PDB file of N, CA and C in Angstrom:
ATOM      1  N   MET A   1     -44.166  -2.321  43.507  1.00  0.00           N
ATOM      2  CA  MET A   1     -43.488  -3.518  43.958  1.00  0.00           C
ATOM      3  C   MET A   1     -42.499  -3.134  45.055  1.00  0.00           C
ATOM      4  N   THR A   2     -42.377  -3.999  46.012  1.00  0.00           N
ATOM      5  CA  THR A   2     -41.447  -3.790  47.115  1.00  0.00           C
ATOM      6  C   THR A   2     -40.172  -4.584  46.852  1.00  0.00           C
ATOM      7  N   PHE A   3     -39.041  -3.937  47.082  1.00  0.00           N
ATOM      8  CA  PHE A   3     -37.738  -4.573  46.864  1.00  0.00           C
ATOM      9  C   PHE A   3     -37.050  -4.784  48.202  1.00  0.00           C
ATOM     10  N   ASP A   4     -36.371  -5.910  48.335  1.00  0.00           N
ATOM     11  CA  ASP A   4     -35.614  -6.184  49.552  1.00  0.00           C
ATOM     12  C   ASP A   4     -34.261  -5.474  49.539  1.00  0.00           C
ATOM     13  N   ARG A   5     -33.701  -5.317  48.346  1.00  0.00           N
ATOM     14  CA  ARG A   5     -32.424  -4.600  48.186  1.00  0.00           C
ATOM     15  C   ARG A   5     -32.421  -3.917  46.843  1.00  0.00           C
ATOM     16  N   GLU A   6     -31.616  -2.879  46.731  1.00  0.00           N
ATOM     17  CA  GLU A   6     -31.425  -2.183  45.459  1.00  0.00           C
ATOM     18  C   GLU A   6     -29.937  -2.127  45.159  1.00  0.00           C
ATOM     19  N   LEU A   7     -29.617  -2.267  43.876  1.00  0.00           N
ATOM     20  CA  LEU A   7     -28.226  -2.233  43.421  1.00  0.00           C
ATOM     21  C   LEU A   7     -28.125  -1.251  42.268  1.00  0.00           C
ATOM     22  N   ASP A   8     -27.329  -0.224  42.443  1.00  0.00           N
ATOM     23  CA  ASP A   8     -27.128   0.793  41.406  1.00  0.00           C
ATOM     24  C   ASP A   8     -25.806   0.522  40.698  1.00  0.00           C
ATOM     25  N   VAL A   9     -25.903   0.047  39.462  1.00  0.00           N
ATOM     26  CA  VAL A   9     -24.711  -0.215  38.660  1.00  0.00           C
ATOM     27  C   VAL A   9     -24.693   0.687  37.424  1.00  0.00           C
ATOM     28  N   LYS A  10     -25.385   1.812  37.525  1.00  0.00           N
ATOM     29  CA  LYS A  10     -25.412   2.763  36.413  1.00  0.00           C
ATOM     30  C   LYS A  10     -24.001   3.274  36.146  1.00  0.00           C
ATOM     31  N   GLY A  11     -23.654   3.379  34.881  1.00  0.00           N
ATOM     32  CA  GLY A  11     -22.330   3.850  34.494  1.00  0.00           C
ATOM     33  C   GLY A  11     -21.298   2.740  34.354  1.00  0.00           C
ATOM     34  N   LEU A  12     -21.636   1.544  34.791  1.00  0.00           N
ATOM     35  CA  LEU A  12     -20.716   0.413  34.678  1.00  0.00           C
ATOM     36  C   LEU A  12     -21.016  -0.373  33.409  1.00  0.00           C
ATOM     37  N   ASN A  13     -19.987  -0.889  32.781  1.00  0.00           N
ATOM     38  CA  ASN A  13     -20.143  -1.672  31.554  1.00  0.00           C
ATOM     39  C   ASN A  13     -19.888  -3.144  31.824  1.00  0.00           C
ATOM     40  N   CYS A  14     -20.366  -3.959  30.907  1.00  0.00           N
ATOM     41  CA  CYS A  14     -20.217  -5.406  30.964  1.00  0.00           C
ATOM     42  C   CYS A  14     -18.747  -5.773  31.194  1.00  0.00           C
ATOM     43  N   PRO A  15     -18.501  -6.680  32.072  1.00  0.00           N
ATOM     44  CA  PRO A  15     -19.395  -7.577  32.799  1.00  0.00           C
ATOM     45  C   PRO A  15     -19.730  -7.112  34.215  1.00  0.00           C
ATOM     46  N   LEU A  16     -19.342  -5.897  34.589  1.00  0.00           N
ATOM     47  CA  LEU A  16     -19.502  -5.457  35.980  1.00  0.00           C
ATOM     48  C   LEU A  16     -20.935  -5.474  36.507  1.00  0.00           C
ATOM     49  N   PRO A  17     -21.960  -5.052  35.735  1.00  0.00           N
ATOM     50  CA  PRO A  17     -23.317  -5.130  36.295  1.00  0.00           C
ATOM     51  C   PRO A  17     -23.719  -6.552  36.703  1.00  0.00           C
ATOM     52  N   ILE A  18     -23.382  -7.515  35.881  1.00  0.00           N
ATOM     53  CA  ILE A  18     -23.722  -8.905  36.199  1.00  0.00           C
ATOM     54  C   ILE A  18     -22.898  -9.408  37.381  1.00  0.00           C
ATOM     55  N   LEU A  19     -21.614  -9.085  37.410  1.00  0.00           N
ATOM     56  CA  LEU A  19     -20.765  -9.539  38.522  1.00  0.00           C
ATOM     57  C   LEU A  19     -21.220  -8.958  39.856  1.00  0.00           C
ATOM     58  N   ARG A  20     -21.571  -7.692  39.868  1.00  0.00           N
ATOM     59  CA  ARG A  20     -22.052  -7.063  41.113  1.00  0.00           C
ATOM     60  C   ARG A  20     -23.413  -7.633  41.517  1.00  0.00           C
ATOM     61  N   THR A  21     -24.238  -7.935  40.537  1.00  0.00           N
ATOM     62  CA  THR A  21     -25.539  -8.544  40.820  1.00  0.00           C
ATOM     63  C   THR A  21     -25.345  -9.924  41.439  1.00  0.00           C
ATOM     64  N   LYS A  22     -24.456 -10.707  40.866  1.00  0.00           N
ATOM     65  CA  LYS A  22     -24.184 -12.052  41.378  1.00  0.00           C
ATOM     66  C   LYS A  22     -23.706 -11.990  42.828  1.00  0.00           C
ATOM     67  N   LYS A  23     -22.825 -11.054  43.115  1.00  0.00           N
ATOM     68  CA  LYS A  23     -22.300 -10.901  44.479  1.00  0.00           C
ATOM     69  C   LYS A  23     -23.410 -10.492  45.449  1.00  0.00           C
ATOM     70  N   THR A  24     -24.258  -9.575  45.025  1.00  0.00           N
ATOM     71  CA  THR A  24     -25.349  -9.120  45.882  1.00  0.00           C
ATOM     72  C   THR A  24     -26.346 -10.243  46.132  1.00  0.00           C
ATOM     73  N   LEU A  25     -26.689 -10.996  45.094  1.00  0.00           N
ATOM     74  CA  LEU A  25     -27.625 -12.104  45.254  1.00  0.00           C
ATOM     75  C   LEU A  25     -27.100 -13.166  46.215  1.00  0.00           C
ATOM     76  N   ALA A  26     -25.793 -13.346  46.261  1.00  0.00           N
ATOM     77  CA  ALA A  26     -25.198 -14.335  47.161  1.00  0.00           C
ATOM     78  C   ALA A  26     -25.454 -13.986  48.628  1.00  0.00           C
ATOM     79  N   ASP A  27     -25.677 -12.704  48.913  1.00  0.00           N
ATOM     80  CA  ASP A  27     -25.929 -12.251  50.279  1.00  0.00           C
ATOM     81  C   ASP A  27     -27.421 -12.144  50.600  1.00  0.00           C
ATOM     82  N   MET A  28     -28.260 -12.600  49.686  1.00  0.00           N
ATOM     83  CA  MET A  28     -29.702 -12.514  49.876  1.00  0.00           C
ATOM     84  C   MET A  28     -30.297 -13.897  50.076  1.00  0.00           C
ATOM     85  N   GLU A  29     -31.499 -13.929  50.641  1.00  0.00           N
ATOM     86  CA  GLU A  29     -32.186 -15.190  50.863  1.00  0.00           C
ATOM     87  C   GLU A  29     -33.112 -15.495  49.696  1.00  0.00           C
ATOM     88  N   SER A  30     -33.404 -16.761  49.508  1.00  0.00           N
ATOM     89  CA  SER A  30     -34.326 -17.187  48.466  1.00  0.00           C
ATOM     90  C   SER A  30     -35.677 -16.494  48.648  1.00  0.00           C
ATOM     91  N   GLY A  31     -36.228 -16.011  47.553  1.00  0.00           N
ATOM     92  CA  GLY A  31     -37.522 -15.340  47.594  1.00  0.00           C
ATOM     93  C   GLY A  31     -37.442 -13.833  47.730  1.00  0.00           C
ATOM     94  N   GLN A  32     -36.274 -13.314  48.077  1.00  0.00           N
ATOM     95  CA  GLN A  32     -36.131 -11.867  48.167  1.00  0.00           C
ATOM     96  C   GLN A  32     -36.008 -11.275  46.765  1.00  0.00           C
ATOM     97  N   ILE A  33     -36.358  -9.993  46.664  1.00  0.00           N
ATOM     98  CA  ILE A  33     -36.346  -9.308  45.374  1.00  0.00           C
ATOM     99  C   ILE A  33     -35.268  -8.245  45.355  1.00  0.00           C
ATOM    100  N   LEU A  34     -34.452  -8.293  44.315  1.00  0.00           N
ATOM    101  CA  LEU A  34     -33.374  -7.333  44.104  1.00  0.00           C
ATOM    102  C   LEU A  34     -33.738  -6.434  42.926  1.00  0.00           C
ATOM    103  N   ARG A  35     -33.662  -5.151  43.143  1.00  0.00           N
ATOM    104  CA  ARG A  35     -33.848  -4.183  42.056  1.00  0.00           C
ATOM    105  C   ARG A  35     -32.469  -3.744  41.591  1.00  0.00           C
ATOM    106  N   VAL A  36     -32.207  -3.895  40.289  1.00  0.00           N
ATOM    107  CA  VAL A  36     -30.923  -3.501  39.712  1.00  0.00           C
ATOM    108  C   VAL A  36     -31.178  -2.358  38.740  1.00  0.00           C
ATOM    109  N   MET A  37     -30.440  -1.273  38.900  1.00  0.00           N
ATOM    110  CA  MET A  37     -30.539  -0.125  38.006  1.00  0.00           C
ATOM    111  C   MET A  37     -29.242  -0.044  37.217  1.00  0.00           C
ATOM    112  N   ALA A  38     -29.345  -0.275  35.894  1.00  0.00           N
ATOM    113  CA  ALA A  38     -28.168  -0.333  35.025  1.00  0.00           C
ATOM    114  C   ALA A  38     -28.380   0.534  33.790  1.00  0.00           C
ATOM    115  N   THR A  39     -27.282   1.074  33.267  1.00  0.00           N
ATOM    116  CA  THR A  39     -27.349   1.892  32.052  1.00  0.00           C
ATOM    117  C   THR A  39     -26.633   1.253  30.869  1.00  0.00           C
ATOM    118  N   ASP A  40     -25.904   0.186  31.096  1.00  0.00           N
ATOM    119  CA  ASP A  40     -25.200  -0.492  30.008  1.00  0.00           C
ATOM    120  C   ASP A  40     -26.238  -1.073  29.046  1.00  0.00           C
ATOM    121  N   PRO A  41     -26.216  -0.671  27.761  1.00  0.00           N
ATOM    122  CA  PRO A  41     -27.206  -1.174  26.806  1.00  0.00           C
ATOM    123  C   PRO A  41     -27.240  -2.702  26.716  1.00  0.00           C
ATOM    124  N   GLY A  42     -26.117  -3.344  26.947  1.00  0.00           N
ATOM    125  CA  GLY A  42     -26.059  -4.798  26.907  1.00  0.00           C
ATOM    126  C   GLY A  42     -26.831  -5.474  28.026  1.00  0.00           C
ATOM    127  N   SER A  43     -27.150  -4.717  29.059  1.00  0.00           N
ATOM    128  CA  SER A  43     -27.873  -5.284  30.199  1.00  0.00           C
ATOM    129  C   SER A  43     -29.238  -5.824  29.812  1.00  0.00           C
ATOM    130  N   LEU A  44     -29.847  -5.235  28.796  1.00  0.00           N
ATOM    131  CA  LEU A  44     -31.173  -5.700  28.369  1.00  0.00           C
ATOM    132  C   LEU A  44     -31.142  -7.149  27.891  1.00  0.00           C
ATOM    133  N   LYS A  45     -30.008  -7.578  27.367  1.00  0.00           N
ATOM    134  CA  LYS A  45     -29.849  -8.984  26.958  1.00  0.00           C
ATOM    135  C   LYS A  45     -29.166  -9.805  28.047  1.00  0.00           C
ATOM    136  N   ASP A  46     -28.237  -9.172  28.754  1.00  0.00           N
ATOM    137  CA  ASP A  46     -27.440  -9.889  29.750  1.00  0.00           C
ATOM    138  C   ASP A  46     -28.274 -10.396  30.932  1.00  0.00           C
ATOM    139  N   PHE A  47     -29.174  -9.571  31.445  1.00  0.00           N
ATOM    140  CA  PHE A  47     -29.904  -9.973  32.647  1.00  0.00           C
ATOM    141  C   PHE A  47     -30.885 -11.118  32.413  1.00  0.00           C
ATOM    142  N   PRO A  48     -31.628 -11.150  31.297  1.00  0.00           N
ATOM    143  CA  PRO A  48     -32.461 -12.340  31.061  1.00  0.00           C
ATOM    144  C   PRO A  48     -31.623 -13.618  30.937  1.00  0.00           C
ATOM    145  N   ALA A  49     -30.484 -13.531  30.269  1.00  0.00           N
ATOM    146  CA  ALA A  49     -29.614 -14.702  30.130  1.00  0.00           C
ATOM    147  C   ALA A  49     -29.051 -15.118  31.486  1.00  0.00           C
ATOM    148  N   PHE A  50     -28.639 -14.145  32.287  1.00  0.00           N
ATOM    149  CA  PHE A  50     -28.109 -14.427  33.628  1.00  0.00           C
ATOM    150  C   PHE A  50     -29.177 -15.105  34.491  1.00  0.00           C
ATOM    151  N   ALA A  51     -30.390 -14.583  34.458  1.00  0.00           N
ATOM    152  CA  ALA A  51     -31.470 -15.162  35.252  1.00  0.00           C
ATOM    153  C   ALA A  51     -31.734 -16.606  34.842  1.00  0.00           C
ATOM    154  N   LYS A  52     -31.753 -16.855  33.552  1.00  0.00           N
ATOM    155  CA  LYS A  52     -32.006 -18.210  33.049  1.00  0.00           C
ATOM    156  C   LYS A  52     -30.894 -19.164  33.470  1.00  0.00           C
ATOM    157  N   GLN A  53     -29.643 -18.722  33.346  1.00  0.00           N
ATOM    158  CA  GLN A  53     -28.503 -19.579  33.684  1.00  0.00           C
ATOM    159  C   GLN A  53     -28.419 -19.883  35.173  1.00  0.00           C
ATOM    160  N   THR A  54     -28.842 -18.940  36.002  1.00  0.00           N
ATOM    161  CA  THR A  54     -28.699 -19.109  37.448  1.00  0.00           C
ATOM    162  C   THR A  54     -29.963 -19.620  38.129  1.00  0.00           C
ATOM    163  N   GLY A  55     -31.065 -19.708  37.371  1.00  0.00           N
ATOM    164  CA  GLY A  55     -32.308 -20.181  37.963  1.00  0.00           C
ATOM    165  C   GLY A  55     -33.050 -19.116  38.756  1.00  0.00           C
ATOM    166  N   ASN A  56     -32.676 -17.874  38.580  1.00  0.00           N
ATOM    167  CA  ASN A  56     -33.385 -16.776  39.231  1.00  0.00           C
ATOM    168  C   ASN A  56     -34.502 -16.286  38.328  1.00  0.00           C
ATOM    169  N   GLU A  57     -35.547 -15.735  38.932  1.00  0.00           N
ATOM    170  CA  GLU A  57     -36.662 -15.206  38.161  1.00  0.00           C
ATOM    171  C   GLU A  57     -36.438 -13.728  37.879  1.00  0.00           C
ATOM    172  N   LEU A  58     -36.560 -13.345  36.618  1.00  0.00           N
ATOM    173  CA  LEU A  58     -36.524 -11.940  36.234  1.00  0.00           C
ATOM    174  C   LEU A  58     -37.971 -11.462  36.276  1.00  0.00           C
ATOM    175  N   VAL A  59     -38.320 -10.703  37.307  1.00  0.00           N
ATOM    176  CA  VAL A  59     -39.706 -10.308  37.526  1.00  0.00           C
ATOM    177  C   VAL A  59     -40.171  -9.319  36.470  1.00  0.00           C
ATOM    178  N   SER A  60     -39.340  -8.328  36.184  1.00  0.00           N
ATOM    179  CA  SER A  60     -39.662  -7.364  35.125  1.00  0.00           C
ATOM    180  C   SER A  60     -38.382  -6.667  34.693  1.00  0.00           C
ATOM    181  N   GLN A  61     -38.472  -6.045  33.527  1.00  0.00           N
ATOM    182  CA  GLN A  61     -37.319  -5.327  32.990  1.00  0.00           C
ATOM    183  C   GLN A  61     -37.841  -4.135  32.204  1.00  0.00           C
ATOM    184  N   LEU A  62     -37.331  -2.966  32.522  1.00  0.00           N
ATOM    185  CA  LEU A  62     -37.733  -1.753  31.842  1.00  0.00           C
ATOM    186  C   LEU A  62     -36.527  -1.132  31.157  1.00  0.00           C
ATOM    187  N   PRO A  63     -36.642  -0.787  29.880  1.00  0.00           N
ATOM    188  CA  PRO A  63     -35.485  -0.289  29.131  1.00  0.00           C
ATOM    189  C   PRO A  63     -34.971   1.075  29.572  1.00  0.00           C
ATOM    190  N   ASP A  64     -35.739   1.830  30.315  1.00  0.00           N
ATOM    191  CA  ASP A  64     -35.290   3.169  30.700  1.00  0.00           C
ATOM    192  C   ASP A  64     -34.802   3.257  32.130  1.00  0.00           C
ATOM    193  N   GLY A  65     -34.664   2.123  32.800  1.00  0.00           N
ATOM    194  CA  GLY A  65     -34.098   2.095  34.149  1.00  0.00           C
ATOM    195  C   GLY A  65     -35.062   2.446  35.256  1.00  0.00           C
ATOM    196  N   ARG A  66     -36.361   2.517  35.001  1.00  0.00           N
ATOM    197  CA  ARG A  66     -37.332   2.833  36.050  1.00  0.00           C
ATOM    198  C   ARG A  66     -37.403   1.748  37.091  1.00  0.00           C
TER     199      ARG A  66
END
């Protein structure tokens, strides 16, 4: 898969991964794909909820950060 931007939030804990993602998405155009690399265990639940609340599509999610 090709990504338009990548965001590395590894080592950051909630709520920083979501806040940085929100800020990055604000600078992107509709239809672009953002790859987020996070290590916070809560991210596995946080990102699907964030996508649903904001109307963004979560294309895929891998538990090991690939």
